[in-house]
């Protein structure tokens, strides 16, 4: 039986290539709303980040998620994302 190809994605925080299911997807919808997609099925432009607070801090400091999604993200939204990653 042939082995399935495992999709890899790059973390916007640390820059490491990891399996897609190990990462959390941050999504910008057509309306411009930014949210976390823990399942990976929401429609829209996506960026991936590790399930680690340090990776989120690195991405926040360098504004990598904002660049990947081509939008600005409020500090309150980063705080919400941090809490959701902690609870996951």
C-alpha atoms as a PDB file:
ATOM      1  CA  UNK A   1       0.000   0.000   0.000  1.00  0.00           C
ATOM      2  CA  UNK A   2       1.325   3.434  -0.923  1.00  0.00           C
ATOM      3  CA  UNK A   3       2.083   5.882   1.869  1.00  0.00           C
ATOM      4  CA  UNK A   4       0.053   9.058   2.013  1.00  0.00           C
ATOM      5  CA  UNK A   5       1.869  12.326   1.557  1.00  0.00           C
ATOM      6  CA  UNK A   6       1.742  14.359   4.754  1.00  0.00           C
ATOM      7  CA  UNK A   7       1.060  18.057   4.052  1.00  0.00           C
ATOM      8  CA  UNK A   8       3.676  20.376   5.557  1.00  0.00           C
ATOM      9  CA  UNK A   9       3.217  24.024   6.482  1.00  0.00           C
ATOM     10  CA  UNK A  10       5.641  26.659   7.726  1.00  0.00           C
ATOM     11  CA  UNK A  11       5.075  28.243  11.132  1.00  0.00           C
ATOM     12  CA  UNK A  12       5.017  32.036  10.865  1.00  0.00           C
ATOM     13  CA  UNK A  13       6.575  32.288  14.332  1.00  0.00           C
ATOM     14  CA  UNK A  14       9.592  29.987  14.374  1.00  0.00           C
ATOM     15  CA  UNK A  15       9.814  29.300  10.630  1.00  0.00           C
ATOM     16  CA  UNK A  16       9.966  25.501  10.970  1.00  0.00           C
ATOM     17  CA  UNK A  17       8.191  23.193   8.547  1.00  0.00           C
ATOM     18  CA  UNK A  18       5.775  20.952  10.457  1.00  0.00           C
ATOM     19  CA  UNK A  19       2.844  18.699   9.707  1.00  0.00           C
ATOM     20  CA  UNK A  20      -0.327  20.634   9.000  1.00  0.00           C
ATOM     21  CA  UNK A  21      -2.261  18.956  11.826  1.00  0.00           C
ATOM     22  CA  UNK A  22       0.332  20.099  14.403  1.00  0.00           C
ATOM     23  CA  UNK A  23      -0.276  23.773  13.598  1.00  0.00           C
ATOM     24  CA  UNK A  24      -3.122  26.227  14.188  1.00  0.00           C
ATOM     25  CA  UNK A  25      -4.472  28.178  11.224  1.00  0.00           C
ATOM     26  CA  UNK A  26      -5.152  31.900  11.487  1.00  0.00           C
ATOM     27  CA  UNK A  27      -7.750  32.933   8.890  1.00  0.00           C
ATOM     28  CA  UNK A  28      -8.746  36.226   7.283  1.00  0.00           C
ATOM     29  CA  UNK A  29     -12.208  35.992   5.752  1.00  0.00           C
ATOM     30  CA  UNK A  30     -13.379  37.925   2.690  1.00  0.00           C
ATOM     31  CA  UNK A  31     -14.978  40.445   5.048  1.00  0.00           C
ATOM     32  CA  UNK A  32     -11.585  41.065   6.681  1.00  0.00           C
ATOM     33  CA  UNK A  33     -12.388  39.297   9.954  1.00  0.00           C
ATOM     34  CA  UNK A  34      -9.383  37.506  11.496  1.00  0.00           C
ATOM     35  CA  UNK A  35      -9.924  34.404  13.653  1.00  0.00           C
ATOM     36  CA  UNK A  36      -8.316  31.127  14.712  1.00  0.00           C
ATOM     37  CA  UNK A  37      -9.311  28.040  12.768  1.00  0.00           C
ATOM     38  CA  UNK A  38      -8.597  25.092  15.061  1.00  0.00           C
ATOM     39  CA  UNK A  39     -10.204  22.607  12.631  1.00  0.00           C
ATOM     40  CA  UNK A  40      -8.599  23.906   9.432  1.00  0.00           C
ATOM     41  CA  UNK A  41     -11.801  24.126   7.379  1.00  0.00           C
ATOM     42  CA  UNK A  42     -12.777  27.812   7.461  1.00  0.00           C
ATOM     43  CA  UNK A  43     -12.724  29.601   4.097  1.00  0.00           C
ATOM     44  CA  UNK A  44     -10.304  32.465   3.566  1.00  0.00           C
ATOM     45  CA  UNK A  45      -6.641  33.331   3.481  1.00  0.00           C
ATOM     46  CA  UNK A  46      -4.644  31.419   6.070  1.00  0.00           C
ATOM     47  CA  UNK A  47      -1.369  31.514   7.952  1.00  0.00           C
ATOM     48  CA  UNK A  48      -0.099  28.780  10.240  1.00  0.00           C
ATOM     49  CA  UNK A  49       1.424  28.974  13.702  1.00  0.00           C
ATOM     50  CA  UNK A  50       2.629  26.411  16.256  1.00  0.00           C
ATOM     51  CA  UNK A  51       0.508  25.683  19.312  1.00  0.00           C
ATOM     52  CA  UNK A  52       3.077  27.557  21.394  1.00  0.00           C
ATOM     53  CA  UNK A  53       2.876  30.987  23.034  1.00  0.00           C
ATOM     54  CA  UNK A  54       6.502  31.739  22.141  1.00  0.00           C
ATOM     55  CA  UNK A  55       5.846  31.268  18.418  1.00  0.00           C
ATOM     56  CA  UNK A  56       2.858  33.603  18.652  1.00  0.00           C
ATOM     57  CA  UNK A  57       5.010  36.200  20.432  1.00  0.00           C
ATOM     58  CA  UNK A  58       7.688  35.967  17.732  1.00  0.00           C
ATOM     59  CA  UNK A  59       5.114  36.302  14.961  1.00  0.00           C
ATOM     60  CA  UNK A  60       3.446  39.210  16.756  1.00  0.00           C
ATOM     61  CA  UNK A  61       6.712  41.076  17.302  1.00  0.00           C
ATOM     62  CA  UNK A  62       7.768  40.776  13.639  1.00  0.00           C
ATOM     63  CA  UNK A  63       4.174  41.256  12.351  1.00  0.00           C
ATOM     64  CA  UNK A  64       4.506  38.074  10.271  1.00  0.00           C
ATOM     65  CA  UNK A  65       0.849  37.068  10.540  1.00  0.00           C
ATOM     66  CA  UNK A  66      -0.245  40.532   9.466  1.00  0.00           C
ATOM     67  CA  UNK A  67       2.063  40.344   6.447  1.00  0.00           C
ATOM     68  CA  UNK A  68       0.887  36.852   5.517  1.00  0.00           C
ATOM     69  CA  UNK A  69      -2.790  37.815   5.763  1.00  0.00           C
ATOM     70  CA  UNK A  70      -2.283  41.325   4.309  1.00  0.00           C
ATOM     71  CA  UNK A  71      -4.228  43.060   7.102  1.00  0.00           C
ATOM     72  CA  UNK A  72      -3.714  44.689  10.488  1.00  0.00           C
ATOM     73  CA  UNK A  73      -4.464  42.771  13.663  1.00  0.00           C
ATOM     74  CA  UNK A  74      -5.450  44.551  16.869  1.00  0.00           C
ATOM     75  CA  UNK A  75      -3.611  43.834  20.144  1.00  0.00           C
ATOM     76  CA  UNK A  76      -6.897  42.590  21.640  1.00  0.00           C
ATOM     77  CA  UNK A  77      -7.160  39.952  18.920  1.00  0.00           C
ATOM     78  CA  UNK A  78      -3.596  38.772  19.633  1.00  0.00           C
ATOM     79  CA  UNK A  79      -4.558  38.409  23.312  1.00  0.00           C
ATOM     80  CA  UNK A  80      -7.618  36.351  22.348  1.00  0.00           C
ATOM     81  CA  UNK A  81      -5.474  34.144  20.087  1.00  0.00           C
ATOM     82  CA  UNK A  82      -2.981  33.627  22.917  1.00  0.00           C
ATOM     83  CA  UNK A  83      -5.749  32.514  25.300  1.00  0.00           C
ATOM     84  CA  UNK A  84      -7.193  30.117  22.712  1.00  0.00           C
ATOM     85  CA  UNK A  85      -3.786  28.578  22.034  1.00  0.00           C
ATOM     86  CA  UNK A  86      -3.241  28.132  25.795  1.00  0.00           C
ATOM     87  CA  UNK A  87      -6.609  26.383  26.169  1.00  0.00           C
ATOM     88  CA  UNK A  88      -6.039  24.103  23.172  1.00  0.00           C
END
